PDB file of N, CA and C in Angstrom:
ATOM      1  N   MET A   1      15.312  -5.921  -5.746  1.00  0.00           N
ATOM      2  CA  MET A   1      15.570  -4.893  -4.782  1.00  0.00           C
ATOM      3  C   MET A   1      14.989  -5.364  -3.447  1.00  0.00           C
ATOM      4  N   ILE A   2      15.756  -5.191  -2.390  1.00  0.00           N
ATOM      5  CA  ILE A   2      15.319  -5.548  -1.043  1.00  0.00           C
ATOM      6  C   ILE A   2      15.182  -4.269  -0.234  1.00  0.00           C
ATOM      7  N   THR A   3      14.062  -4.138   0.463  1.00  0.00           N
ATOM      8  CA  THR A   3      13.804  -2.915   1.215  1.00  0.00           C
ATOM      9  C   THR A   3      13.025  -3.224   2.479  1.00  0.00           C
ATOM     10  N   GLY A   4      13.016  -2.277   3.366  1.00  0.00           N
ATOM     11  CA  GLY A   4      12.268  -2.408   4.617  1.00  0.00           C
ATOM     12  C   GLY A   4      11.404  -1.180   4.817  1.00  0.00           C
ATOM     13  N   GLY A   5      10.957  -0.987   6.039  1.00  0.00           N
ATOM     14  CA  GLY A   5      10.095   0.150   6.362  1.00  0.00           C
ATOM     15  C   GLY A   5      10.911   1.386   6.679  1.00  0.00           C
ATOM     16  N   TRP A   6      11.182   2.189   5.695  1.00  0.00           N
ATOM     17  CA  TRP A   6      11.958   3.414   5.878  1.00  0.00           C
ATOM     18  C   TRP A   6      11.034   4.544   6.275  1.00  0.00           C
ATOM     19  N   GLY A   7      11.569   5.596   6.806  1.00  0.00           N
ATOM     20  CA  GLY A   7      10.780   6.791   7.013  1.00  0.00           C
ATOM     21  C   GLY A   7      10.681   7.336   8.413  1.00  0.00           C
ATOM     22  N   CYS A   8      11.062   6.585   9.427  1.00  0.00           N
ATOM     23  CA  CYS A   8      11.061   7.095  10.815  1.00  0.00           C
ATOM     24  C   CYS A   8       9.755   7.793  11.189  1.00  0.00           C
ATOM     25  N   GLY A   9       8.627   7.212  10.840  1.00  0.00           N
ATOM     26  CA  GLY A   9       7.342   7.769  11.232  1.00  0.00           C
ATOM     27  C   GLY A   9       6.659   8.623  10.177  1.00  0.00           C
ATOM     28  N   VAL A  10       7.311   8.832   9.042  1.00  0.00           N
ATOM     29  CA  VAL A  10       6.679   9.603   7.977  1.00  0.00           C
ATOM     30  C   VAL A  10       5.385   8.897   7.546  1.00  0.00           C
ATOM     31  N   TYR A  11       4.440   9.614   7.030  1.00  0.00           N
ATOM     32  CA  TYR A  11       3.114   9.106   6.636  1.00  0.00           C
ATOM     33  C   TYR A  11       2.392   8.518   7.841  1.00  0.00           C
ATOM     34  N   ASN A  12       2.528   9.178   8.989  1.00  0.00           N
ATOM     35  CA  ASN A  12       1.901   8.720  10.236  1.00  0.00           C
ATOM     36  C   ASN A  12       2.316   7.304  10.613  1.00  0.00           C
ATOM     37  N   GLY A  13       3.488   6.894  10.163  1.00  0.00           N
ATOM     38  CA  GLY A  13       3.998   5.564  10.494  1.00  0.00           C
ATOM     39  C   GLY A  13       3.250   4.427   9.833  1.00  0.00           C
ATOM     40  N   ASP A  14       2.490   4.692   8.791  1.00  0.00           N
ATOM     41  CA  ASP A  14       1.698   3.663   8.101  1.00  0.00           C
ATOM     42  C   ASP A  14       2.630   2.823   7.220  1.00  0.00           C
ATOM     43  N   PHE A  15       3.042   1.688   7.753  1.00  0.00           N
ATOM     44  CA  PHE A  15       3.956   0.805   7.038  1.00  0.00           C
ATOM     45  C   PHE A  15       3.369   0.342   5.711  1.00  0.00           C
ATOM     46  N   THR A  16       2.061   0.102   5.675  1.00  0.00           N
ATOM     47  CA  THR A  16       1.449  -0.375   4.432  1.00  0.00           C
ATOM     48  C   THR A  16       1.496   0.681   3.338  1.00  0.00           C
ATOM     49  N   LEU A  17       1.434   1.950   3.710  1.00  0.00           N
ATOM     50  CA  LEU A  17       1.574   3.019   2.718  1.00  0.00           C
ATOM     51  C   LEU A  17       2.980   3.016   2.143  1.00  0.00           C
ATOM     52  N   LYS A  18       3.967   2.839   2.999  1.00  0.00           N
ATOM     53  CA  LYS A  18       5.357   2.791   2.536  1.00  0.00           C
ATOM     54  C   LYS A  18       5.561   1.614   1.582  1.00  0.00           C
ATOM     55  N   VAL A  19       4.958   0.478   1.920  1.00  0.00           N
ATOM     56  CA  VAL A  19       5.060  -0.699   1.052  1.00  0.00           C
ATOM     57  C   VAL A  19       4.435  -0.410  -0.314  1.00  0.00           C
ATOM     58  N   ALA A  20       3.255   0.197  -0.329  1.00  0.00           N
ATOM     59  CA  ALA A  20       2.584   0.508  -1.598  1.00  0.00           C
ATOM     60  C   ALA A  20       3.426   1.455  -2.443  1.00  0.00           C
ATOM     61  N   ILE A  21       3.982   2.483  -1.834  1.00  0.00           N
ATOM     62  CA  ILE A  21       4.822   3.434  -2.574  1.00  0.00           C
ATOM     63  C   ILE A  21       6.064   2.741  -3.131  1.00  0.00           C
ATOM     64  N   GLN A  22       6.704   1.921  -2.308  1.00  0.00           N
ATOM     65  CA  GLN A  22       7.905   1.214  -2.755  1.00  0.00           C
ATOM     66  C   GLN A  22       7.579   0.227  -3.866  1.00  0.00           C
ATOM     67  N   TRP A  23       6.432  -0.457  -3.758  1.00  0.00           N
ATOM     68  CA  TRP A  23       6.041  -1.419  -4.789  1.00  0.00           C
ATOM     69  C   TRP A  23       5.816  -0.693  -6.117  1.00  0.00           C
ATOM     70  N   ILE A  24       5.117   0.425  -6.068  1.00  0.00           N
ATOM     71  CA  ILE A  24       4.862   1.195  -7.291  1.00  0.00           C
ATOM     72  C   ILE A  24       6.173   1.683  -7.900  1.00  0.00           C
ATOM     73  N   ALA A  25       7.075   2.217  -7.073  1.00  0.00           N
ATOM     74  CA  ALA A  25       8.357   2.719  -7.572  1.00  0.00           C
ATOM     75  C   ALA A  25       9.193   1.597  -8.189  1.00  0.00           C
ATOM     76  N   ALA A  26       9.246   0.447  -7.532  1.00  0.00           N
ATOM     77  CA  ALA A  26      10.018  -0.679  -8.067  1.00  0.00           C
ATOM     78  C   ALA A  26       9.425  -1.161  -9.384  1.00  0.00           C
ATOM     79  N   THR A  27       8.110  -1.238  -9.453  1.00  0.00           N
ATOM     80  CA  THR A  27       7.444  -1.668 -10.675  1.00  0.00           C
ATOM     81  C   THR A  27       7.727  -0.695 -11.817  1.00  0.00           C
ATOM     82  N   MET A  28       7.673   0.600 -11.530  1.00  0.00           N
ATOM     83  CA  MET A  28       7.978   1.604 -12.557  1.00  0.00           C
ATOM     84  C   MET A  28       9.410   1.456 -13.068  1.00  0.00           C
ATOM     85  N   ALA A  29      10.322   1.053 -12.172  1.00  0.00           N
ATOM     86  CA  ALA A  29      11.729   0.884 -12.548  1.00  0.00           C
ATOM     87  C   ALA A  29      11.993  -0.483 -13.171  1.00  0.00           C
ATOM     88  N   GLY A  30      10.954  -1.312 -13.255  1.00  0.00           N
ATOM     89  CA  GLY A  30      11.109  -2.636 -13.838  1.00  0.00           C
ATOM     90  C   GLY A  30      11.866  -3.600 -12.934  1.00  0.00           C
ATOM     91  N   LYS A  31      11.778  -3.399 -11.627  1.00  0.00           N
ATOM     92  CA  LYS A  31      12.516  -4.216 -10.661  1.00  0.00           C
ATOM     93  C   LYS A  31      11.567  -5.057  -9.826  1.00  0.00           C
ATOM     94  N   GLN A  32      12.040  -6.216  -9.409  1.00  0.00           N
ATOM     95  CA  GLN A  32      11.341  -7.036  -8.428  1.00  0.00           C
ATOM     96  C   GLN A  32      11.609  -6.420  -7.062  1.00  0.00           C
ATOM     97  N   ILE A  33      10.706  -6.587  -6.119  1.00  0.00           N
ATOM     98  CA  ILE A  33      10.904  -6.032  -4.790  1.00  0.00           C
ATOM     99  C   ILE A  33      10.666  -7.117  -3.736  1.00  0.00           C
ATOM    100  N   VAL A  34      11.518  -7.114  -2.736  1.00  0.00           N
ATOM    101  CA  VAL A  34      11.374  -7.992  -1.581  1.00  0.00           C
ATOM    102  C   VAL A  34      11.239  -7.078  -0.376  1.00  0.00           C
ATOM    103  N   ILE A  35      10.119  -7.197   0.329  1.00  0.00           N
ATOM    104  CA  ILE A  35       9.867  -6.366   1.506  1.00  0.00           C
ATOM    105  C   ILE A  35      10.337  -7.130   2.744  1.00  0.00           C
ATOM    106  N   CYS A  36      11.157  -6.496   3.547  1.00  0.00           N
ATOM    107  CA  CYS A  36      11.591  -7.055   4.838  1.00  0.00           C
ATOM    108  C   CYS A  36      10.827  -6.307   5.923  1.00  0.00           C
ATOM    109  N   PRO A  37       9.757  -6.895   6.435  1.00  0.00           N
ATOM    110  CA  PRO A  37       8.885  -6.159   7.353  1.00  0.00           C
ATOM    111  C   PRO A  37       9.395  -6.039   8.792  1.00  0.00           C
ATOM    112  N   PHE A  38      10.493  -6.696   9.131  1.00  0.00           N
ATOM    113  CA  PHE A  38      11.115  -6.552  10.444  1.00  0.00           C
ATOM    114  C   PHE A  38      10.104  -6.562  11.586  1.00  0.00           C
ATOM    115  N   GLY A  39       9.530  -7.726  11.838  1.00  0.00           N
ATOM    116  CA  GLY A  39       8.584  -7.886  12.933  1.00  0.00           C
ATOM    117  C   GLY A  39       7.148  -7.550  12.595  1.00  0.00           C
ATOM    118  N   ARG A  40       6.894  -7.173  11.361  1.00  0.00           N
ATOM    119  CA  ARG A  40       5.526  -6.817  10.967  1.00  0.00           C
ATOM    120  C   ARG A  40       4.998  -7.723   9.872  1.00  0.00           C
ATOM    121  N   LYS A  41       5.613  -8.892   9.706  1.00  0.00           N
ATOM    122  CA  LYS A  41       5.229  -9.799   8.628  1.00  0.00           C
ATOM    123  C   LYS A  41       3.762 -10.206   8.717  1.00  0.00           C
ATOM    124  N   GLU A  42       3.330 -10.624   9.908  1.00  0.00           N
ATOM    125  CA  GLU A  42       1.944 -11.062  10.071  1.00  0.00           C
ATOM    126  C   GLU A  42       0.976  -9.926   9.771  1.00  0.00           C
ATOM    127  N   LYS A  43       1.294  -8.751  10.266  1.00  0.00           N
ATOM    128  CA  LYS A  43       0.437  -7.580  10.029  1.00  0.00           C
ATOM    129  C   LYS A  43       0.348  -7.286   8.532  1.00  0.00           C
ATOM    130  N   LEU A  44       1.483  -7.341   7.856  1.00  0.00           N
ATOM    131  CA  LEU A  44       1.494  -7.079   6.420  1.00  0.00           C
ATOM    132  C   LEU A  44       0.701  -8.148   5.670  1.00  0.00           C
ATOM    133  N   GLU A  45       0.859  -9.400   6.062  1.00  0.00           N
ATOM    134  CA  GLU A  45       0.120 -10.484   5.407  1.00  0.00           C
ATOM    135  C   GLU A  45      -1.378 -10.363   5.655  1.00  0.00           C
ATOM    136  N   GLU A  46      -1.754  -9.947   6.864  1.00  0.00           N
ATOM    137  CA  GLU A  46      -3.173  -9.791   7.211  1.00  0.00           C
ATOM    138  C   GLU A  46      -3.871  -8.760   6.328  1.00  0.00           C
ATOM    139  N   THR A  47      -3.156  -7.735   5.940  1.00  0.00           N
ATOM    140  CA  THR A  47      -3.791  -6.676   5.156  1.00  0.00           C
ATOM    141  C   THR A  47      -4.196  -7.134   3.770  1.00  0.00           C
ATOM    142  N   GLY A  48      -3.469  -8.088   3.207  1.00  0.00           N
ATOM    143  CA  GLY A  48      -3.745  -8.521   1.842  1.00  0.00           C
ATOM    144  C   GLY A  48      -3.214  -7.548   0.800  1.00  0.00           C
ATOM    145  N   LEU A  49      -2.418  -6.576   1.234  1.00  0.00           N
ATOM    146  CA  LEU A  49      -1.917  -5.538   0.328  1.00  0.00           C
ATOM    147  C   LEU A  49      -1.040  -6.104  -0.782  1.00  0.00           C
ATOM    148  N   ILE A  50      -0.142  -7.006  -0.447  1.00  0.00           N
ATOM    149  CA  ILE A  50       0.769  -7.559  -1.454  1.00  0.00           C
ATOM    150  C   ILE A  50      -0.013  -8.286  -2.536  1.00  0.00           C
ATOM    151  N   LYS A  51      -0.981  -9.082  -2.133  1.00  0.00           N
ATOM    152  CA  LYS A  51      -1.825  -9.804  -3.112  1.00  0.00           C
ATOM    153  C   LYS A  51      -2.593  -8.816  -3.973  1.00  0.00           C
ATOM    154  N   LEU A  52      -3.171  -7.804  -3.341  1.00  0.00           N
ATOM    155  CA  LEU A  52      -3.931  -6.799  -4.076  1.00  0.00           C
ATOM    156  C   LEU A  52      -3.055  -6.110  -5.125  1.00  0.00           C
ATOM    157  N   LEU A  53      -1.890  -5.648  -4.704  1.00  0.00           N
ATOM    158  CA  LEU A  53      -0.999  -4.949  -5.631  1.00  0.00           C
ATOM    159  C   LEU A  53      -0.486  -5.868  -6.726  1.00  0.00           C
ATOM    160  N   SER A  54      -0.180  -7.106  -6.372  1.00  0.00           N
ATOM    161  CA  SER A  54       0.353  -8.058  -7.350  1.00  0.00           C
ATOM    162  C   SER A  54      -0.654  -8.390  -8.440  1.00  0.00           C
ATOM    163  N   ASP A  55      -1.935  -8.311  -8.106  1.00  0.00           N
ATOM    164  CA  ASP A  55      -2.986  -8.640  -9.066  1.00  0.00           C
ATOM    165  C   ASP A  55      -3.407  -7.452  -9.934  1.00  0.00           C
ATOM    166  N   MET A  56      -2.831  -6.274  -9.652  1.00  0.00           N
ATOM    167  CA  MET A  56      -3.251  -5.073 -10.371  1.00  0.00           C
ATOM    168  C   MET A  56      -2.190  -4.615 -11.368  1.00  0.00           C
ATOM    169  N   ARG A  57      -2.656  -3.913 -12.379  1.00  0.00           N
ATOM    170  CA  ARG A  57      -1.724  -3.212 -13.260  1.00  0.00           C
ATOM    171  C   ARG A  57      -1.189  -2.005 -12.506  1.00  0.00           C
ATOM    172  N   LEU A  58      -0.062  -1.519 -12.925  1.00  0.00           N
ATOM    173  CA  LEU A  58       0.593  -0.407 -12.242  1.00  0.00           C
ATOM    174  C   LEU A  58      -0.290   0.837 -12.195  1.00  0.00           C
ATOM    175  N   ASP A  59      -0.911   1.196 -13.310  1.00  0.00           N
ATOM    176  CA  ASP A  59      -1.742   2.401 -13.317  1.00  0.00           C
ATOM    177  C   ASP A  59      -2.942   2.250 -12.382  1.00  0.00           C
ATOM    178  N   GLY A  60      -3.492   1.047 -12.299  1.00  0.00           N
ATOM    179  CA  GLY A  60      -4.603   0.806 -11.393  1.00  0.00           C
ATOM    180  C   GLY A  60      -4.183   0.905  -9.934  1.00  0.00           C
ATOM    181  N   ALA A  61      -3.012   0.375  -9.621  1.00  0.00           N
ATOM    182  CA  ALA A  61      -2.506   0.447  -8.247  1.00  0.00           C
ATOM    183  C   ALA A  61      -2.272   1.899  -7.845  1.00  0.00           C
ATOM    184  N   TYR A  62      -1.722   2.680  -8.748  1.00  0.00           N
ATOM    185  CA  TYR A  62      -1.474   4.095  -8.452  1.00  0.00           C
ATOM    186  C   TYR A  62      -2.797   4.845  -8.247  1.00  0.00           C
ATOM    187  N   ARG A  63      -3.761   4.623  -9.141  1.00  0.00           N
ATOM    188  CA  ARG A  63      -5.057   5.292  -9.000  1.00  0.00           C
ATOM    189  C   ARG A  63      -5.755   4.891  -7.708  1.00  0.00           C
ATOM    190  N   LEU A  64      -5.685   3.607  -7.364  1.00  0.00           N
ATOM    191  CA  LEU A  64      -6.294   3.134  -6.122  1.00  0.00           C
ATOM    192  C   LEU A  64      -5.630   3.787  -4.913  1.00  0.00           C
ATOM    193  N   LEU A  65      -4.325   3.912  -4.937  1.00  0.00           N
ATOM    194  CA  LEU A  65      -3.608   4.573  -3.844  1.00  0.00           C
ATOM    195  C   LEU A  65      -4.055   6.024  -3.717  1.00  0.00           C
ATOM    196  N   MET A  66      -4.242   6.700  -4.834  1.00  0.00           N
ATOM    197  CA  MET A  66      -4.685   8.093  -4.804  1.00  0.00           C
ATOM    198  C   MET A  66      -6.122   8.215  -4.282  1.00  0.00           C
ATOM    199  N   VAL A  67      -7.000   7.316  -4.702  1.00  0.00           N
ATOM    200  CA  VAL A  67      -8.388   7.333  -4.226  1.00  0.00           C
ATOM    201  C   VAL A  67      -8.425   7.095  -2.720  1.00  0.00           C
ATOM    202  N   ALA A  68      -7.675   6.109  -2.248  1.00  0.00           N
ATOM    203  CA  ALA A  68      -7.656   5.805  -0.811  1.00  0.00           C
ATOM    204  C   ALA A  68      -7.068   6.962  -0.017  1.00  0.00           C
ATOM    205  N   GLY A  69      -6.008   7.558  -0.520  1.00  0.00           N
ATOM    206  CA  GLY A  69      -5.413   8.711   0.152  1.00  0.00           C
ATOM    207  C   GLY A  69      -6.379   9.871   0.235  1.00  0.00           C
ATOM    208  N   ASP A  70      -7.137  10.076  -0.824  1.00  0.00           N
ATOM    209  CA  ASP A  70      -8.140  11.140  -0.847  1.00  0.00           C
ATOM    210  C   ASP A  70      -9.236  10.868   0.190  1.00  0.00           C
ATOM    211  N   LEU A  71      -9.668   9.622   0.295  1.00  0.00           N
ATOM    212  CA  LEU A  71     -10.684   9.271   1.290  1.00  0.00           C
ATOM    213  C   LEU A  71     -10.181   9.520   2.708  1.00  0.00           C
ATOM    214  N   ILE A  72      -8.943   9.220   2.943  1.00  0.00           N
ATOM    215  CA  ILE A  72      -8.369   9.430   4.274  1.00  0.00           C
ATOM    216  C   ILE A  72      -8.235  10.919   4.578  1.00  0.00           C
ATOM    217  N   SER A  73      -7.723  11.676   3.625  1.00  0.00           N
ATOM    218  CA  SER A  73      -7.457  13.097   3.903  1.00  0.00           C
ATOM    219  C   SER A  73      -8.711  13.965   3.879  1.00  0.00           C
ATOM    220  N   LYS A  74      -9.634  13.701   2.986  1.00  0.00           N
ATOM    221  CA  LYS A  74     -10.801  14.569   2.855  1.00  0.00           C
ATOM    222  C   LYS A  74     -12.015  14.090   3.640  1.00  0.00           C
ATOM    223  N   GLN A  75     -12.147  12.787   3.804  1.00  0.00           N
ATOM    224  CA  GLN A  75     -13.331  12.262   4.462  1.00  0.00           C
ATOM    225  C   GLN A  75     -13.033  11.660   5.826  1.00  0.00           C
ATOM    226  N   GLY A  76     -11.769  11.662   6.203  1.00  0.00           N
ATOM    227  CA  GLY A  76     -11.410  11.158   7.516  1.00  0.00           C
ATOM    228  C   GLY A  76     -11.575   9.663   7.698  1.00  0.00           C
ATOM    229  N   SER A  77     -11.474   8.900   6.602  1.00  0.00           N
ATOM    230  CA  SER A  77     -11.564   7.448   6.717  1.00  0.00           C
ATOM    231  C   SER A  77     -10.496   6.963   7.688  1.00  0.00           C
ATOM    232  N   LYS A  78     -10.844   5.962   8.479  1.00  0.00           N
ATOM    233  CA  LYS A  78      -9.938   5.431   9.494  1.00  0.00           C
ATOM    234  C   LYS A  78      -9.285   4.147   9.011  1.00  0.00           C
ATOM    235  N   GLY A  79      -8.144   3.838   9.599  1.00  0.00           N
ATOM    236  CA  GLY A  79      -7.420   2.611   9.273  1.00  0.00           C
ATOM    237  C   GLY A  79      -6.194   2.912   8.446  1.00  0.00           C
ATOM    238  N   SER A  80      -5.456   1.870   8.154  1.00  0.00           N
ATOM    239  CA  SER A  80      -4.264   2.027   7.330  1.00  0.00           C
ATOM    240  C   SER A  80      -4.670   2.251   5.879  1.00  0.00           C
ATOM    241  N   ILE A  81      -3.732   2.672   5.081  1.00  0.00           N
ATOM    242  CA  ILE A  81      -4.010   2.871   3.650  1.00  0.00           C
ATOM    243  C   ILE A  81      -4.443   1.545   3.023  1.00  0.00           C
ATOM    244  N   ALA A  82      -3.845   0.435   3.477  1.00  0.00           N
ATOM    245  CA  ALA A  82      -4.225  -0.874   2.944  1.00  0.00           C
ATOM    246  C   ALA A  82      -5.677  -1.181   3.266  1.00  0.00           C
ATOM    247  N   ASP A  83      -6.099  -0.883   4.495  1.00  0.00           N
ATOM    248  CA  ASP A  83      -7.496  -1.109   4.875  1.00  0.00           C
ATOM    249  C   ASP A  83      -8.436  -0.338   3.963  1.00  0.00           C
ATOM    250  N   VAL A  84      -8.123   0.930   3.719  1.00  0.00           N
ATOM    251  CA  VAL A  84      -8.983   1.778   2.893  1.00  0.00           C
ATOM    252  C   VAL A  84      -8.961   1.307   1.444  1.00  0.00           C
ATOM    253  N   MET A  85      -7.776   0.932   0.932  1.00  0.00           N
ATOM    254  CA  MET A  85      -7.682   0.427  -0.443  1.00  0.00           C
ATOM    255  C   MET A  85      -8.550  -0.816  -0.621  1.00  0.00           C
ATOM    256  N   LEU A  86      -8.465  -1.729   0.336  1.00  0.00           N
ATOM    257  CA  LEU A  86      -9.253  -2.965   0.252  1.00  0.00           C
ATOM    258  C   LEU A  86     -10.747  -2.690   0.343  1.00  0.00           C
ATOM    259  N   LYS A  87     -11.146  -1.731   1.169  1.00  0.00           N
ATOM    260  CA  LYS A  87     -12.562  -1.354   1.258  1.00  0.00           C
ATOM    261  C   LYS A  87     -13.066  -0.796  -0.064  1.00  0.00           C
ATOM    262  N   VAL A  88     -12.259   0.058  -0.692  1.00  0.00           N
ATOM    263  CA  VAL A  88     -12.650   0.647  -1.978  1.00  0.00           C
ATOM    264  C   VAL A  88     -12.864  -0.458  -3.003  1.00  0.00           C
ATOM    265  N   VAL A  89     -11.933  -1.397  -3.070  1.00  0.00           N
ATOM    266  CA  VAL A  89     -12.044  -2.485  -4.040  1.00  0.00           C
ATOM    267  C   VAL A  89     -13.227  -3.386  -3.715  1.00  0.00           C
ATOM    268  N   SER A  90     -13.424  -3.704  -2.443  1.00  0.00           N
ATOM    269  CA  SER A  90     -14.513  -4.620  -2.062  1.00  0.00           C
ATOM    270  C   SER A  90     -15.895  -4.017  -2.295  1.00  0.00           C
ATOM    271  N   LYS A  91     -15.995  -2.691  -2.211  1.00  0.00           N
ATOM    272  CA  LYS A  91     -17.277  -2.031  -2.435  1.00  0.00           C
ATOM    273  C   LYS A  91     -17.545  -1.766  -3.911  1.00  0.00           C
ATOM    274  N   GLY A  92     -16.591  -2.172  -4.763  1.00  0.00           N
ATOM    275  CA  GLY A  92     -16.763  -1.996  -6.191  1.00  0.00           C
ATOM    276  C   GLY A  92     -16.703  -0.548  -6.643  1.00  0.00           C
ATOM    277  N   LYS A  93     -16.101   0.310  -5.816  1.00  0.00           N
ATOM    278  CA  LYS A  93     -16.005   1.728  -6.163  1.00  0.00           C
ATOM    279  C   LYS A  93     -14.756   2.027  -6.972  1.00  0.00           C
ATOM    280  N   PHE A  94     -14.085   0.977  -7.374  1.00  0.00           N
ATOM    281  CA  PHE A  94     -12.861   1.183  -8.138  1.00  0.00           C
ATOM    282  C   PHE A  94     -12.813   0.228  -9.282  1.00  0.00           C
TER     283      PHE A  94
END
């Protein structure tokens, strides 16, 4: 499956969140996914999100996404969802 950044600003325009959701959905459907970042390739590579998700089991990726989303919504954590996910993993809180 080939996809890009859909949503026209949904999720505060957080492209990395869209990528995580699409990756989880494709994995659940048993499909490979190719992300077309349309000018955001370097930014996406810098986050390390693809590597992080690729190294995780599906249930772990989903739980990590929920933990990071909770930190952003309830505690006001700053940065993209990928930034928060990586912080959670690096601090050993997941």
